[in-house]
C-alpha cells in the first residue's frame, strides 16, 4: 500500500477536558450474546491476495473465558506469497456493519489472544499482524457508488510488527486517517500523521474508539481511558462514502506478510475476540 502526505492542520494529543462535548453518546450495537451472528447487523468477508494461502480462518460467537462472556472470535492463519522476494501481500478476516451510513463513532473491547509474526530472510519487509476497527466515514470528492476513490478512512489498530522493541507479550496501538486513491483503496494518501496510542497486553482486553466529528473537521481516537488523540483534516466532508454499505465499516484482523522465496515459508497468525461493540445514537441496522 503506497502512501503520501496531503494538506492537514494540527494533529496530536489533547487533554480530555479540552475535548469536552466532542465525543458522542454511545449505544450498544452488539455484545454477541446470541447463538449466532445477527444478519441484520453484520455480514462477513475475507480477502487473501494472489499467491498467498489461507488455510485456517474463523468468524463465530463463542464463550471467552478471559472476558467472562460470549464474544466474537476471529482468527486467521495465512502463508506468504512465494513468487518473489519483494513487496508484501495481505490476508484478512472481517465482519462489516450491515449499514454504516449513520455511524460516526465505533467502540469495541478488543482482546488479542495469539499473534505470530514471521520473518523472511530474503525480504526485509516488516511483517505486521493486527486487528482493527474503522472504515470510511465520508467522501472527499464526488462519490461513485461501489468505489472507494476519495473515501476518507479512519481506523484504530492493535497488533505487533516484526521490528517491535516492545516485550513479547506487548502489542502496540495506532490510529490513522487516510484518503483512498483508487476504487479498491490499495493506494492511499495519509491525512495527518499516524498516532501512537500506546500499548496493550496480549490476553488483556483493551477498549478502542474512533469518532468522526464533522462539526470541527476532525477524528478523535482513544484507547481505554487514556488521553484522546486527534487528527484534523481540510477536505470536503459533505458526501457519503462511495464504498458499499455506508463505507464498509468493520471489525477485522489482518496479516501483512513479506513475499518470500526462502524457507521456511512465513506463516502469520492472529486470534482476536471482539465484544461490546457500541456506536453513536441513533443508528438503525
C-alpha atoms as a PDB file:
ATOM      1  CA  UNK A   1       0.000   0.000   0.000  1.00  0.00           C
ATOM      2  CA  UNK A   2       1.506   3.280  -1.128  1.00  0.00           C
ATOM      3  CA  UNK A   3       1.077   6.425   0.922  1.00  0.00           C
ATOM      4  CA  UNK A   4       1.868  10.122   0.753  1.00  0.00           C
ATOM      5  CA  UNK A   5       1.089  13.235   2.721  1.00  0.00           C
ATOM      6  CA  UNK A   6      -1.609  15.775   1.889  1.00  0.00           C
ATOM      7  CA  UNK A   7      -2.577  19.088   3.424  1.00  0.00           C
ATOM      8  CA  UNK A   8      -3.753  18.867   7.011  1.00  0.00           C
ATOM      9  CA  UNK A   9      -3.985  21.021  10.104  1.00  0.00           C
ATOM     10  CA  UNK A  10      -2.792  20.352  13.627  1.00  0.00           C
ATOM     11  CA  UNK A  11      -2.693  16.771  14.906  1.00  0.00           C
ATOM     12  CA  UNK A  12      -1.659  15.392  18.231  1.00  0.00           C
ATOM     13  CA  UNK A  13      -2.629  14.598  21.778  1.00  0.00           C
ATOM     14  CA  UNK A  14      -5.072  16.808  23.618  1.00  0.00           C
ATOM     15  CA  UNK A  15      -6.267  16.661  27.192  1.00  0.00           C
ATOM     16  CA  UNK A  16      -9.645  15.020  27.633  1.00  0.00           C
ATOM     17  CA  UNK A  17     -11.000  18.171  29.223  1.00  0.00           C
ATOM     18  CA  UNK A  18     -10.256  20.208  26.124  1.00  0.00           C
ATOM     19  CA  UNK A  19     -12.462  17.899  24.085  1.00  0.00           C
ATOM     20  CA  UNK A  20     -15.468  18.061  26.378  1.00  0.00           C
ATOM     21  CA  UNK A  21     -18.621  17.503  24.391  1.00  0.00           C
ATOM     22  CA  UNK A  22     -16.828  16.280  21.265  1.00  0.00           C
ATOM     23  CA  UNK A  23     -17.290  12.584  21.975  1.00  0.00           C
ATOM     24  CA  UNK A  24     -20.796  11.398  21.217  1.00  0.00           C
ATOM     25  CA  UNK A  25     -23.033   9.310  23.498  1.00  0.00           C
ATOM     26  CA  UNK A  26     -22.818   5.667  22.513  1.00  0.00           C
ATOM     27  CA  UNK A  27     -25.358   2.856  22.486  1.00  0.00           C
ATOM     28  CA  UNK A  28     -24.748  -0.881  22.428  1.00  0.00           C
ATOM     29  CA  UNK A  29     -24.801  -2.295  18.914  1.00  0.00           C
ATOM     30  CA  UNK A  30     -23.891  -5.912  19.693  1.00  0.00           C
ATOM     31  CA  UNK A  31     -22.495  -7.786  22.685  1.00  0.00           C
ATOM     32  CA  UNK A  32     -22.562 -11.127  20.850  1.00  0.00           C
ATOM     33  CA  UNK A  33     -24.715 -12.897  23.437  1.00  0.00           C
ATOM     34  CA  UNK A  34     -26.839 -14.544  20.742  1.00  0.00           C
ATOM     35  CA  UNK A  35     -26.234 -18.063  19.427  1.00  0.00           C
ATOM     36  CA  UNK A  36     -25.086 -16.823  16.035  1.00  0.00           C
ATOM     37  CA  UNK A  37     -24.124 -13.567  14.333  1.00  0.00           C
ATOM     38  CA  UNK A  38     -27.134 -11.393  13.506  1.00  0.00           C
ATOM     39  CA  UNK A  39     -27.531 -10.967   9.707  1.00  0.00           C
ATOM     40  CA  UNK A  40     -29.498  -7.759  10.318  1.00  0.00           C
ATOM     41  CA  UNK A  41     -26.412  -6.231  11.921  1.00  0.00           C
ATOM     42  CA  UNK A  42     -23.447  -7.830  10.147  1.00  0.00           C
ATOM     43  CA  UNK A  43     -22.171  -9.508   7.024  1.00  0.00           C
ATOM     44  CA  UNK A  44     -18.885 -11.349   6.651  1.00  0.00           C
ATOM     45  CA  UNK A  45     -15.912 -11.019   4.385  1.00  0.00           C
ATOM     46  CA  UNK A  46     -12.460 -12.443   3.773  1.00  0.00           C
ATOM     47  CA  UNK A  47      -9.628 -11.478   1.488  1.00  0.00           C
ATOM     48  CA  UNK A  48      -6.400 -13.240   0.520  1.00  0.00           C
ATOM     49  CA  UNK A  49      -4.032 -11.715  -2.022  1.00  0.00           C
ATOM     50  CA  UNK A  50      -2.958 -13.750  -5.030  1.00  0.00           C
ATOM     51  CA  UNK A  51      -0.143 -16.151  -4.227  1.00  0.00           C
ATOM     52  CA  UNK A  52      -0.947 -16.323  -0.512  1.00  0.00           C
ATOM     53  CA  UNK A  53      -2.690 -19.290   1.084  1.00  0.00           C
ATOM     54  CA  UNK A  54      -5.204 -19.019   3.913  1.00  0.00           C
ATOM     55  CA  UNK A  55      -5.857 -22.486   5.341  1.00  0.00           C
ATOM     56  CA  UNK A  56      -7.335 -21.647   8.734  1.00  0.00           C
ATOM     57  CA  UNK A  57      -9.844 -18.902   9.374  1.00  0.00           C
ATOM     58  CA  UNK A  58     -12.944 -18.489  11.504  1.00  0.00           C
ATOM     59  CA  UNK A  59     -15.670 -15.979  12.346  1.00  0.00           C
ATOM     60  CA  UNK A  60     -18.066 -17.051  15.084  1.00  0.00           C
ATOM     61  CA  UNK A  61     -19.514 -16.324  18.512  1.00  0.00           C
ATOM     62  CA  UNK A  62     -18.105 -18.357  21.381  1.00  0.00           C
ATOM     63  CA  UNK A  63     -17.584 -18.177  25.126  1.00  0.00           C
ATOM     64  CA  UNK A  64     -14.489 -16.156  26.001  1.00  0.00           C
ATOM     65  CA  UNK A  65     -13.155 -17.044  29.432  1.00  0.00           C
ATOM     66  CA  UNK A  66     -10.826 -14.047  29.590  1.00  0.00           C
ATOM     67  CA  UNK A  67     -13.776 -11.691  29.070  1.00  0.00           C
ATOM     68  CA  UNK A  68     -16.248 -13.649  31.187  1.00  0.00           C
ATOM     69  CA  UNK A  69     -18.840 -13.545  28.421  1.00  0.00           C
ATOM     70  CA  UNK A  70     -19.581 -14.517  24.873  1.00  0.00           C
ATOM     71  CA  UNK A  71     -17.659 -12.634  22.202  1.00  0.00           C
ATOM     72  CA  UNK A  72     -16.963 -12.556  18.500  1.00  0.00           C
ATOM     73  CA  UNK A  73     -13.910 -14.686  17.745  1.00  0.00           C
ATOM     74  CA  UNK A  74     -11.864 -14.097  14.591  1.00  0.00           C
ATOM     75  CA  UNK A  75      -8.698 -15.957  13.654  1.00  0.00           C
ATOM     76  CA  UNK A  76      -6.617 -16.235  10.512  1.00  0.00           C
ATOM     77  CA  UNK A  77      -3.541 -18.275   9.624  1.00  0.00           C
ATOM     78  CA  UNK A  78      -2.081 -17.417   6.232  1.00  0.00           C
ATOM     79  CA  UNK A  79       1.074 -18.353   4.325  1.00  0.00           C
ATOM     80  CA  UNK A  80       3.176 -15.887   2.365  1.00  0.00           C
ATOM     81  CA  UNK A  81       3.300 -15.497  -1.395  1.00  0.00           C
ATOM     82  CA  UNK A  82       6.386 -17.413  -2.620  1.00  0.00           C
ATOM     83  CA  UNK A  83       6.583 -15.852  -6.096  1.00  0.00           C
ATOM     84  CA  UNK A  84       9.148 -13.167  -5.234  1.00  0.00           C
ATOM     85  CA  UNK A  85      11.249 -11.509  -2.534  1.00  0.00           C
ATOM     86  CA  UNK A  86       9.869  -8.004  -2.933  1.00  0.00           C
ATOM     87  CA  UNK A  87       6.825  -6.153  -1.612  1.00  0.00           C
ATOM     88  CA  UNK A  88       4.206  -7.891   0.538  1.00  0.00           C
ATOM     89  CA  UNK A  89       0.763  -9.488   0.441  1.00  0.00           C
ATOM     90  CA  UNK A  90      -2.226  -9.337   2.769  1.00  0.00           C
ATOM     91  CA  UNK A  91      -4.847 -11.714   4.145  1.00  0.00           C
ATOM     92  CA  UNK A  92      -7.846 -10.599   6.220  1.00  0.00           C
ATOM     93  CA  UNK A  93     -10.897 -11.925   8.036  1.00  0.00           C
ATOM     94  CA  UNK A  94     -13.626  -9.401   8.880  1.00  0.00           C
ATOM     95  CA  UNK A  95     -17.236  -8.568   9.590  1.00  0.00           C
ATOM     96  CA  UNK A  96     -18.924  -5.425   8.275  1.00  0.00           C
ATOM     97  CA  UNK A  97     -21.710  -3.336   9.752  1.00  0.00           C
ATOM     98  CA  UNK A  98     -24.759  -4.036   7.605  1.00  0.00           C
ATOM     99  CA  UNK A  99     -25.316  -0.292   7.175  1.00  0.00           C
ATOM    100  CA  UNK A 100     -22.659   2.168   8.324  1.00  0.00           C
ATOM    101  CA  UNK A 101     -24.257   5.249   6.753  1.00  0.00           C
ATOM    102  CA  UNK A 102     -25.215   6.887  10.060  1.00  0.00           C
ATOM    103  CA  UNK A 103     -22.299   5.575  12.113  1.00  0.00           C
ATOM    104  CA  UNK A 104     -19.942   8.345  13.232  1.00  0.00           C
ATOM    105  CA  UNK A 105     -18.373   6.546  16.202  1.00  0.00           C
ATOM    106  CA  UNK A 106     -17.306   2.952  16.811  1.00  0.00           C
ATOM    107  CA  UNK A 107     -16.100   1.499  20.100  1.00  0.00           C
ATOM    108  CA  UNK A 108     -15.189  -2.097  20.839  1.00  0.00           C
ATOM    109  CA  UNK A 109     -13.492  -4.153  23.507  1.00  0.00           C
ATOM    110  CA  UNK A 110     -10.639  -5.997  21.817  1.00  0.00           C
ATOM    111  CA  UNK A 111      -8.696  -8.951  23.205  1.00  0.00           C
ATOM    112  CA  UNK A 112      -5.739 -10.218  21.162  1.00  0.00           C
ATOM    113  CA  UNK A 113      -5.182 -13.813  22.268  1.00  0.00           C
ATOM    114  CA  UNK A 114      -2.431 -15.029  19.966  1.00  0.00           C
ATOM    115  CA  UNK A 115      -0.187 -13.446  17.374  1.00  0.00           C
ATOM    116  CA  UNK A 116       2.548 -14.989  15.220  1.00  0.00           C
ATOM    117  CA  UNK A 117       4.854 -12.529  13.430  1.00  0.00           C
ATOM    118  CA  UNK A 118       7.164 -14.345  10.977  1.00  0.00           C
ATOM    119  CA  UNK A 119      10.212 -13.077   9.132  1.00  0.00           C
ATOM    120  CA  UNK A 120      11.707 -13.752   5.702  1.00  0.00           C
ATOM    121  CA  UNK A 121      15.489 -13.987   5.297  1.00  0.00           C
ATOM    122  CA  UNK A 122      15.317 -12.767   1.687  1.00  0.00           C
ATOM    123  CA  UNK A 123      12.838  -9.871   2.050  1.00  0.00           C
ATOM    124  CA  UNK A 124      13.234  -7.037   4.532  1.00  0.00           C
ATOM    125  CA  UNK A 125       9.531  -6.072   4.548  1.00  0.00           C
ATOM    126  CA  UNK A 126       8.451  -5.584   8.176  1.00  0.00           C
ATOM    127  CA  UNK A 127       5.725  -8.127   8.942  1.00  0.00           C
ATOM    128  CA  UNK A 128       2.624  -6.550  10.508  1.00  0.00           C
ATOM    129  CA  UNK A 129      -0.074  -8.637  12.233  1.00  0.00           C
ATOM    130  CA  UNK A 130      -3.002  -6.699  13.696  1.00  0.00           C
ATOM    131  CA  UNK A 131      -6.669  -6.199  14.492  1.00  0.00           C
ATOM    132  CA  UNK A 132      -8.540  -3.031  13.592  1.00  0.00           C
ATOM    133  CA  UNK A 133     -11.849  -1.206  13.862  1.00  0.00           C
ATOM    134  CA  UNK A 134     -12.886   1.542  11.462  1.00  0.00           C
ATOM    135  CA  UNK A 135     -13.936   2.240   7.900  1.00  0.00           C
ATOM    136  CA  UNK A 136     -14.776   5.080   5.532  1.00  0.00           C
ATOM    137  CA  UNK A 137     -16.736   7.971   7.044  1.00  0.00           C
ATOM    138  CA  UNK A 138     -17.138  10.343   4.096  1.00  0.00           C
ATOM    139  CA  UNK A 139     -16.026  11.007   0.536  1.00  0.00           C
ATOM    140  CA  UNK A 140     -13.769  13.994  -0.151  1.00  0.00           C
ATOM    141  CA  UNK A 141     -14.883  14.336  -3.781  1.00  0.00           C
ATOM    142  CA  UNK A 142     -17.802  13.141  -5.879  1.00  0.00           C
ATOM    143  CA  UNK A 143     -18.548   9.591  -4.707  1.00  0.00           C
ATOM    144  CA  UNK A 144     -19.108   6.752  -7.154  1.00  0.00           C
ATOM    145  CA  UNK A 145     -21.327   4.003  -5.709  1.00  0.00           C
ATOM    146  CA  UNK A 146     -19.277   0.884  -5.068  1.00  0.00           C
ATOM    147  CA  UNK A 147     -15.948   2.704  -5.458  1.00  0.00           C
ATOM    148  CA  UNK A 148     -13.675   3.770  -2.595  1.00  0.00           C
ATOM    149  CA  UNK A 149     -11.942   6.517  -4.591  1.00  0.00           C
ATOM    150  CA  UNK A 150     -11.711   9.656  -2.392  1.00  0.00           C
ATOM    151  CA  UNK A 151     -13.285   7.883   0.579  1.00  0.00           C
ATOM    152  CA  UNK A 152     -11.707   9.053   3.840  1.00  0.00           C
ATOM    153  CA  UNK A 153     -10.896   6.265   6.271  1.00  0.00           C
ATOM    154  CA  UNK A 154     -10.208   6.331   9.985  1.00  0.00           C
ATOM    155  CA  UNK A 155      -9.041   3.307  11.963  1.00  0.00           C
ATOM    156  CA  UNK A 156      -7.548   2.116  15.232  1.00  0.00           C
ATOM    157  CA  UNK A 157      -5.254  -0.914  15.135  1.00  0.00           C
ATOM    158  CA  UNK A 158      -3.714  -3.126  17.805  1.00  0.00           C
ATOM    159  CA  UNK A 159      -1.043  -5.649  16.939  1.00  0.00           C
ATOM    160  CA  UNK A 160       2.639  -6.351  16.560  1.00  0.00           C
ATOM    161  CA  UNK A 161       5.304  -5.774  13.916  1.00  0.00           C
ATOM    162  CA  UNK A 162       8.478  -7.778  13.330  1.00  0.00           C
ATOM    163  CA  UNK A 163      10.692  -4.828  14.306  1.00  0.00           C
ATOM    164  CA  UNK A 164       8.847  -4.134  17.561  1.00  0.00           C
ATOM    165  CA  UNK A 165      11.046  -3.360  20.544  1.00  0.00           C
ATOM    166  CA  UNK A 166       8.175  -3.993  22.977  1.00  0.00           C
ATOM    167  CA  UNK A 167       8.271  -7.026  25.294  1.00  0.00           C
ATOM    168  CA  UNK A 168       6.990 -10.229  23.686  1.00  0.00           C
ATOM    169  CA  UNK A 169       3.628 -10.004  25.491  1.00  0.00           C
ATOM    170  CA  UNK A 170       3.071  -6.384  24.445  1.00  0.00           C
ATOM    171  CA  UNK A 171       1.141  -5.023  21.471  1.00  0.00           C
ATOM    172  CA  UNK A 172       1.063  -1.510  20.058  1.00  0.00           C
ATOM    173  CA  UNK A 173      -1.996   0.627  19.328  1.00  0.00           C
ATOM    174  CA  UNK A 174      -2.058   3.138  16.468  1.00  0.00           C
ATOM    175  CA  UNK A 175      -4.638   5.403  14.840  1.00  0.00           C
ATOM    176  CA  UNK A 176      -4.568   6.590  11.254  1.00  0.00           C
ATOM    177  CA  UNK A 177      -6.614   8.656   8.783  1.00  0.00           C
ATOM    178  CA  UNK A 178      -6.172   8.421   5.012  1.00  0.00           C
ATOM    179  CA  UNK A 179      -7.886   9.048   1.676  1.00  0.00           C
ATOM    180  CA  UNK A 180      -8.309   6.236  -0.866  1.00  0.00           C
ATOM    181  CA  UNK A 181      -6.712   6.993  -4.241  1.00  0.00           C
ATOM    182  CA  UNK A 182      -8.315   4.142  -6.191  1.00  0.00           C
ATOM    183  CA  UNK A 183     -11.542   2.185  -6.259  1.00  0.00           C
ATOM    184  CA  UNK A 184     -10.210  -0.652  -4.065  1.00  0.00           C
ATOM    185  CA  UNK A 185      -8.260   1.614  -1.689  1.00  0.00           C
ATOM    186  CA  UNK A 186      -4.984  -0.133  -2.488  1.00  0.00           C
ATOM    187  CA  UNK A 187      -3.199   3.220  -2.867  1.00  0.00           C
ATOM    188  CA  UNK A 188      -3.841   5.859  -0.222  1.00  0.00           C
ATOM    189  CA  UNK A 189      -2.817   9.357   0.821  1.00  0.00           C
ATOM    190  CA  UNK A 190      -2.281   9.915   4.535  1.00  0.00           C
ATOM    191  CA  UNK A 191      -4.129  12.724   6.243  1.00  0.00           C
ATOM    192  CA  UNK A 192      -2.058  13.917   9.155  1.00  0.00           C
ATOM    193  CA  UNK A 193       0.342  11.541  10.868  1.00  0.00           C
ATOM    194  CA  UNK A 194      -0.141   8.108  12.359  1.00  0.00           C
ATOM    195  CA  UNK A 195      -0.997   8.497  16.044  1.00  0.00           C
ATOM    196  CA  UNK A 196       0.757   6.369  18.666  1.00  0.00           C
ATOM    197  CA  UNK A 197      -1.870   5.488  21.300  1.00  0.00           C
ATOM    198  CA  UNK A 198       0.464   3.401  23.438  1.00  0.00           C
ATOM    199  CA  UNK A 199       0.492  -0.309  24.228  1.00  0.00           C
ATOM    200  CA  UNK A 200      -1.814  -3.164  25.157  1.00  0.00           C
ATOM    201  CA  UNK A 201      -1.054  -6.586  26.583  1.00  0.00           C
ATOM    202  CA  UNK A 202      -1.557  -9.936  24.936  1.00  0.00           C
ATOM    203  CA  UNK A 203      -4.555 -11.709  26.518  1.00  0.00           C
ATOM    204  CA  UNK A 204      -5.710  -8.472  28.169  1.00  0.00           C
ATOM    205  CA  UNK A 205      -8.749  -6.590  26.934  1.00  0.00           C
ATOM    206  CA  UNK A 206      -8.437  -3.039  25.656  1.00  0.00           C
ATOM    207  CA  UNK A 207     -11.210  -0.632  24.698  1.00  0.00           C
ATOM    208  CA  UNK A 208     -10.664   1.149  21.389  1.00  0.00           C
ATOM    209  CA  UNK A 209     -12.685   4.009  19.953  1.00  0.00           C
ATOM    210  CA  UNK A 210     -12.823   6.107  16.780  1.00  0.00           C
ATOM    211  CA  UNK A 211     -15.122   9.121  16.452  1.00  0.00           C
ATOM    212  CA  UNK A 212     -15.759  11.339  13.449  1.00  0.00           C
ATOM    213  CA  UNK A 213     -16.581  14.917  14.490  1.00  0.00           C
ATOM    214  CA  UNK A 214     -17.581  16.691  11.262  1.00  0.00           C
ATOM    215  CA  UNK A 215     -18.534  19.891  13.087  1.00  0.00           C
ATOM    216  CA  UNK A 216     -14.861  20.523  13.820  1.00  0.00           C
ATOM    217  CA  UNK A 217     -13.313  18.598  10.889  1.00  0.00           C
ATOM    218  CA  UNK A 218     -11.518  16.031  12.984  1.00  0.00           C
ATOM    219  CA  UNK A 219     -11.298  12.414  14.046  1.00  0.00           C
ATOM    220  CA  UNK A 220     -10.885  11.546  17.711  1.00  0.00           C
ATOM    221  CA  UNK A 221      -9.230   8.323  18.866  1.00  0.00           C
ATOM    222  CA  UNK A 222      -8.963   6.795  22.310  1.00  0.00           C
ATOM    223  CA  UNK A 223      -7.519   3.707  23.992  1.00  0.00           C
ATOM    224  CA  UNK A 224      -9.267   2.887  27.253  1.00  0.00           C
ATOM    225  CA  UNK A 225      -9.313   5.967  29.479  1.00  0.00           C
ATOM    226  CA  UNK A 226      -6.083   7.374  28.079  1.00  0.00           C
ATOM    227  CA  UNK A 227      -5.825  10.861  26.660  1.00  0.00           C
ATOM    228  CA  UNK A 228      -7.607  11.332  23.363  1.00  0.00           C
ATOM    229  CA  UNK A 229      -5.691  11.770  20.131  1.00  0.00           C
ATOM    230  CA  UNK A 230      -6.917  13.980  17.314  1.00  0.00           C
ATOM    231  CA  UNK A 231      -6.338  14.174  13.569  1.00  0.00           C
ATOM    232  CA  UNK A 232      -7.870  17.168  11.784  1.00  0.00           C
ATOM    233  CA  UNK A 233      -8.439  17.497   8.058  1.00  0.00           C
ATOM    234  CA  UNK A 234      -9.012  20.164   5.444  1.00  0.00           C
ATOM    235  CA  UNK A 235     -11.002  18.306   2.787  1.00  0.00           C
ATOM    236  CA  UNK A 236     -14.682  18.371   1.884  1.00  0.00           C
ATOM    237  CA  UNK A 237     -16.743  16.028   4.104  1.00  0.00           C
ATOM    238  CA  UNK A 238     -20.273  16.656   2.799  1.00  0.00           C
ATOM    239  CA  UNK A 239     -20.695  13.415   0.852  1.00  0.00           C
ATOM    240  CA  UNK A 240     -21.369   9.848   1.937  1.00  0.00           C
ATOM    241  CA  UNK A 241     -18.612   7.290   1.209  1.00  0.00           C
ATOM    242  CA  UNK A 242     -18.681   5.637  -2.181  1.00  0.00           C
ATOM    243  CA  UNK A 243     -17.807   2.281  -0.609  1.00  0.00           C
ATOM    244  CA  UNK A 244     -20.688  -0.115  -0.128  1.00  0.00           C
ATOM    245  CA  UNK A 245     -22.926  -0.240   2.945  1.00  0.00           C
ATOM    246  CA  UNK A 246     -22.037   3.238   4.135  1.00  0.00           C
ATOM    247  CA  UNK A 247     -18.269   2.924   3.993  1.00  0.00           C
ATOM    248  CA  UNK A 248     -17.573  -0.742   4.711  1.00  0.00           C
ATOM    249  CA  UNK A 249     -17.120  -0.070   8.443  1.00  0.00           C
ATOM    250  CA  UNK A 250     -15.779  -3.172  10.125  1.00  0.00           C
ATOM    251  CA  UNK A 251     -14.091  -5.302  12.765  1.00  0.00           C
ATOM    252  CA  UNK A 252     -11.116  -7.034  11.193  1.00  0.00           C
ATOM    253  CA  UNK A 253      -7.885  -8.977  11.593  1.00  0.00           C
ATOM    254  CA  UNK A 254      -5.040  -8.687   9.065  1.00  0.00           C
ATOM    255  CA  UNK A 255      -1.780 -10.445   8.191  1.00  0.00           C
ATOM    256  CA  UNK A 256       0.699  -8.318   6.202  1.00  0.00           C
ATOM    257  CA  UNK A 257       3.389 -10.804   5.157  1.00  0.00           C
ATOM    258  CA  UNK A 258       6.569 -10.400   3.086  1.00  0.00           C
ATOM    259  CA  UNK A 259       6.598 -12.149  -0.270  1.00  0.00           C
ATOM    260  CA  UNK A 260       9.251 -14.782   0.287  1.00  0.00           C
ATOM    261  CA  UNK A 261      11.028 -17.471  -1.751  1.00  0.00           C
ATOM    262  CA  UNK A 262      13.181 -18.779   1.095  1.00  0.00           C
ATOM    263  CA  UNK A 263      12.357 -21.499   3.633  1.00  0.00           C
ATOM    264  CA  UNK A 264      10.591 -21.751   5.947  1.00  0.00           C
ATOM    265  CA  UNK A 265       7.544 -20.202   4.283  1.00  0.00           C
ATOM    266  CA  UNK A 266       6.379 -17.334   6.531  1.00  0.00           C
ATOM    267  CA  UNK A 267       3.052 -18.019   8.251  1.00  0.00           C
ATOM    268  CA  UNK A 268       1.190 -15.216  10.002  1.00  0.00           C
ATOM    269  CA  UNK A 269      -1.424 -15.924  12.655  1.00  0.00           C
ATOM    270  CA  UNK A 270      -3.717 -13.823  14.800  1.00  0.00           C
ATOM    271  CA  UNK A 271      -6.654 -14.713  17.046  1.00  0.00           C
ATOM    272  CA  UNK A 272      -8.811 -11.934  18.479  1.00  0.00           C
ATOM    273  CA  UNK A 273     -12.039 -11.594  20.471  1.00  0.00           C
ATOM    274  CA  UNK A 274     -14.276  -8.537  20.000  1.00  0.00           C
ATOM    275  CA  UNK A 275     -17.030  -7.604  22.447  1.00  0.00           C
ATOM    276  CA  UNK A 276     -19.407  -4.807  23.469  1.00  0.00           C
ATOM    277  CA  UNK A 277     -19.460  -3.012  20.141  1.00  0.00           C
ATOM    278  CA  UNK A 278     -21.011   0.430  20.534  1.00  0.00           C
ATOM    279  CA  UNK A 279     -21.907   3.145  18.049  1.00  0.00           C
ATOM    280  CA  UNK A 280     -23.312   6.646  18.183  1.00  0.00           C
ATOM    281  CA  UNK A 281     -27.041   7.142  18.655  1.00  0.00           C
ATOM    282  CA  UNK A 282     -29.174   6.891  16.612  1.00  0.00           C
ATOM    283  CA  UNK A 283     -28.291   4.213  14.091  1.00  0.00           C
ATOM    284  CA  UNK A 284     -30.622   1.684  12.529  1.00  0.00           C
ATOM    285  CA  UNK A 285     -29.234  -1.594  11.141  1.00  0.00           C
END
